[in-house]
Amino acid sequence: MGLFTQEIENKLEAQFSFEHSLENLNVICKAVTAWGEGVLYFVSQDPVFKHFLLCLQVNDGIAEFRSVCKTDIDIPPLRLDPDFKEMNAMEVFRRLSAGDNV
């Protein structure tokens, strides 16, 4: 999958830890489906099993943290939001839960 640059992969892997709380993690990048309905905010990537990612997923206005596999997000095709700036994961979750766009 060519969604992430090496820089993004490195940042995602640097945040991978079962000991970190979401308050201490950042959303590194945001990806949307081609038609803009599904949104994923990527937080971390397993450095050993590189196909596993922790993300904040938003569908139909509902936000939830979940683990995804890179092969599962190939369809529908995603594109990175070039305007998204890295920010705290819990802040993103709180804002999305309040109905704000991030």
C-alpha atoms as a PDB file:
ATOM      1  CA  MET A   1       0.000   0.000   0.000  1.00  0.00           C
ATOM      2  CA  GLY A   2       1.443   3.354  -0.993  1.00  0.00           C
ATOM      3  CA  LEU A   3      -0.682   5.575   1.253  1.00  0.00           C
ATOM      4  CA  PHE A   4       2.106   6.464   3.699  1.00  0.00           C
ATOM      5  CA  THR A   5       5.487   8.075   3.110  1.00  0.00           C
ATOM      6  CA  GLN A   6       8.507   6.681   4.954  1.00  0.00           C
ATOM      7  CA  GLU A   7       8.375   9.716   7.261  1.00  0.00           C
ATOM      8  CA  ILE A   8       4.772   8.922   8.225  1.00  0.00           C
ATOM      9  CA  GLU A   9       5.611   5.232   8.753  1.00  0.00           C
ATOM     10  CA  ASN A  10       8.502   6.215  11.050  1.00  0.00           C
ATOM     11  CA  LYS A  11       6.274   8.528  13.123  1.00  0.00           C
ATOM     12  CA  LEU A  12       3.543   5.887  13.413  1.00  0.00           C
ATOM     13  CA  GLU A  13       6.035   3.234  14.535  1.00  0.00           C
ATOM     14  CA  ALA A  14       7.647   5.580  17.058  1.00  0.00           C
ATOM     15  CA  GLN A  15       4.297   5.864  18.848  1.00  0.00           C
ATOM     16  CA  PHE A  16       3.634   2.124  19.022  1.00  0.00           C
ATOM     17  CA  SER A  17       3.466   0.948  22.605  1.00  0.00           C
ATOM     18  CA  PHE A  18       0.906  -0.886  24.682  1.00  0.00           C
ATOM     19  CA  GLU A  19       1.915   1.286  27.651  1.00  0.00           C
ATOM     20  CA  HIS A  20       1.037   4.646  26.114  1.00  0.00           C
ATOM     21  CA  SER A  21      -2.294   6.234  26.827  1.00  0.00           C
ATOM     22  CA  LEU A  22      -4.123   8.028  24.053  1.00  0.00           C
ATOM     23  CA  GLU A  23      -3.591  11.312  25.878  1.00  0.00           C
ATOM     24  CA  ASN A  24       0.130  10.925  25.127  1.00  0.00           C
ATOM     25  CA  LEU A  25      -0.245  10.026  21.448  1.00  0.00           C
ATOM     26  CA  ASN A  26      -0.749  12.143  18.360  1.00  0.00           C
ATOM     27  CA  VAL A  27      -2.773  11.560  15.252  1.00  0.00           C
ATOM     28  CA  ILE A  28      -0.063  11.559  12.581  1.00  0.00           C
ATOM     29  CA  CYS A  29      -2.204  11.766   9.460  1.00  0.00           C
ATOM     30  CA  LYS A  30      -5.784  11.766   8.253  1.00  0.00           C
ATOM     31  CA  ALA A  31      -7.100   9.795   5.281  1.00  0.00           C
ATOM     32  CA  VAL A  32     -10.492  10.002   3.604  1.00  0.00           C
ATOM     33  CA  THR A  33     -12.257   7.798   1.107  1.00  0.00           C
ATOM     34  CA  ALA A  34     -12.425   9.045  -2.451  1.00  0.00           C
ATOM     35  CA  TRP A  35     -16.014  10.201  -1.880  1.00  0.00           C
ATOM     36  CA  GLY A  36     -15.286  11.737   1.553  1.00  0.00           C
ATOM     37  CA  GLU A  37     -17.684   9.665   3.675  1.00  0.00           C
ATOM     38  CA  GLY A  38     -15.226   7.499   5.618  1.00  0.00           C
ATOM     39  CA  VAL A  39     -12.385   9.069   7.589  1.00  0.00           C
ATOM     40  CA  LEU A  40      -9.401   7.439   9.340  1.00  0.00           C
ATOM     41  CA  TYR A  41      -6.999   9.235  11.695  1.00  0.00           C
ATOM     42  CA  PHE A  42      -3.803   7.174  12.062  1.00  0.00           C
ATOM     43  CA  VAL A  43      -2.088   7.023  15.470  1.00  0.00           C
ATOM     44  CA  SER A  44       0.460   4.180  15.416  1.00  0.00           C
ATOM     45  CA  GLN A  45       1.818   1.216  13.498  1.00  0.00           C
ATOM     46  CA  ASP A  46       3.266  -2.008  14.849  1.00  0.00           C
ATOM     47  CA  PRO A  47       7.011  -1.890  14.010  1.00  0.00           C
ATOM     48  CA  VAL A  48       7.238  -5.691  13.777  1.00  0.00           C
ATOM     49  CA  PHE A  49       3.927  -6.535  12.098  1.00  0.00           C
ATOM     50  CA  LYS A  50       3.811  -3.437   9.897  1.00  0.00           C
ATOM     51  CA  HIS A  51       0.375  -4.196   8.515  1.00  0.00           C
ATOM     52  CA  PHE A  52      -1.368  -3.412  11.853  1.00  0.00           C
ATOM     53  CA  LEU A  53      -2.373   0.180  12.612  1.00  0.00           C
ATOM     54  CA  LEU A  54      -4.162   1.938  15.462  1.00  0.00           C
ATOM     55  CA  CYS A  55      -6.522   4.575  14.181  1.00  0.00           C
ATOM     56  CA  LEU A  56      -9.527   6.661  15.015  1.00  0.00           C
ATOM     57  CA  GLN A  57     -12.253   5.765  12.543  1.00  0.00           C
ATOM     58  CA  VAL A  58     -15.270   7.918  11.799  1.00  0.00           C
ATOM     59  CA  ASN A  59     -18.290   6.481   9.998  1.00  0.00           C
ATOM     60  CA  ASP A  60     -21.749   8.031   9.946  1.00  0.00           C
ATOM     61  CA  GLY A  61     -20.690  10.602  12.553  1.00  0.00           C
ATOM     62  CA  ILE A  62     -19.530   8.006  15.091  1.00  0.00           C
ATOM     63  CA  ALA A  63     -15.863   8.052  16.165  1.00  0.00           C
ATOM     64  CA  GLU A  64     -14.100   5.024  17.645  1.00  0.00           C
ATOM     65  CA  PHE A  65     -10.515   3.863  18.210  1.00  0.00           C
ATOM     66  CA  ARG A  66      -9.724   0.553  16.564  1.00  0.00           C
ATOM     67  CA  SER A  67      -7.004  -1.557  15.083  1.00  0.00           C
ATOM     68  CA  VAL A  68      -7.029  -1.981  11.317  1.00  0.00           C
ATOM     69  CA  CYS A  69      -5.035  -3.999   8.849  1.00  0.00           C
ATOM     70  CA  LYS A  70      -3.494  -2.166   5.899  1.00  0.00           C
ATOM     71  CA  THR A  71      -5.012  -4.677   3.483  1.00  0.00           C
ATOM     72  CA  ASP A  72      -8.475  -3.849   4.849  1.00  0.00           C
ATOM     73  CA  ILE A  73      -8.104  -0.158   4.058  1.00  0.00           C
ATOM     74  CA  ASP A  74      -6.994  -0.635   0.451  1.00  0.00           C
ATOM     75  CA  ILE A  75     -10.644  -0.783  -0.609  1.00  0.00           C
ATOM     76  CA  PRO A  76     -12.155   1.751  -0.815  1.00  0.00           C
ATOM     77  CA  PRO A  77      -9.103   3.685  -1.902  1.00  0.00           C
ATOM     78  CA  LEU A  78      -7.991   6.329   0.582  1.00  0.00           C
ATOM     79  CA  ARG A  79      -6.174   9.599   0.078  1.00  0.00           C
ATOM     80  CA  LEU A  80      -4.266  11.600   2.672  1.00  0.00           C
ATOM     81  CA  ASP A  81      -5.634  14.983   3.676  1.00  0.00           C
ATOM     82  CA  PRO A  82      -2.740  17.348   2.848  1.00  0.00           C
ATOM     83  CA  ASP A  83      -4.177  20.073   5.122  1.00  0.00           C
ATOM     84  CA  PHE A  84      -4.275  17.949   8.287  1.00  0.00           C
ATOM     85  CA  LYS A  85      -1.744  18.926  10.942  1.00  0.00           C
ATOM     86  CA  GLU A  86      -0.544  16.406  13.539  1.00  0.00           C
ATOM     87  CA  MET A  87      -2.452  16.776  16.822  1.00  0.00           C
ATOM     88  CA  ASN A  88      -3.213  14.997  20.108  1.00  0.00           C
ATOM     89  CA  ALA A  89      -5.268  11.816  19.612  1.00  0.00           C
ATOM     90  CA  MET A  90      -7.646  12.398  22.549  1.00  0.00           C
ATOM     91  CA  GLU A  91      -8.230  15.987  21.442  1.00  0.00           C
ATOM     92  CA  VAL A  92      -9.182  14.729  17.982  1.00  0.00           C
ATOM     93  CA  PHE A  93     -11.519  12.151  19.545  1.00  0.00           C
ATOM     94  CA  ARG A  94     -13.160  14.728  21.840  1.00  0.00           C
ATOM     95  CA  ARG A  95     -13.672  17.200  19.019  1.00  0.00           C
ATOM     96  CA  LEU A  96     -15.114  14.562  16.687  1.00  0.00           C
ATOM     97  CA  SER A  97     -17.390  13.260  19.450  1.00  0.00           C
ATOM     98  CA  ALA A  98     -18.665  16.816  19.952  1.00  0.00           C
ATOM     99  CA  GLY A  99     -19.534  16.995  16.248  1.00  0.00           C
ATOM    100  CA  ASP A 100     -16.617  19.194  15.192  1.00  0.00           C
ATOM    101  CA  ASN A 101     -14.691  18.657  11.973  1.00  0.00           C
ATOM    102  CA  VAL A 102     -10.996  17.995  12.400  1.00  0.00           C
END
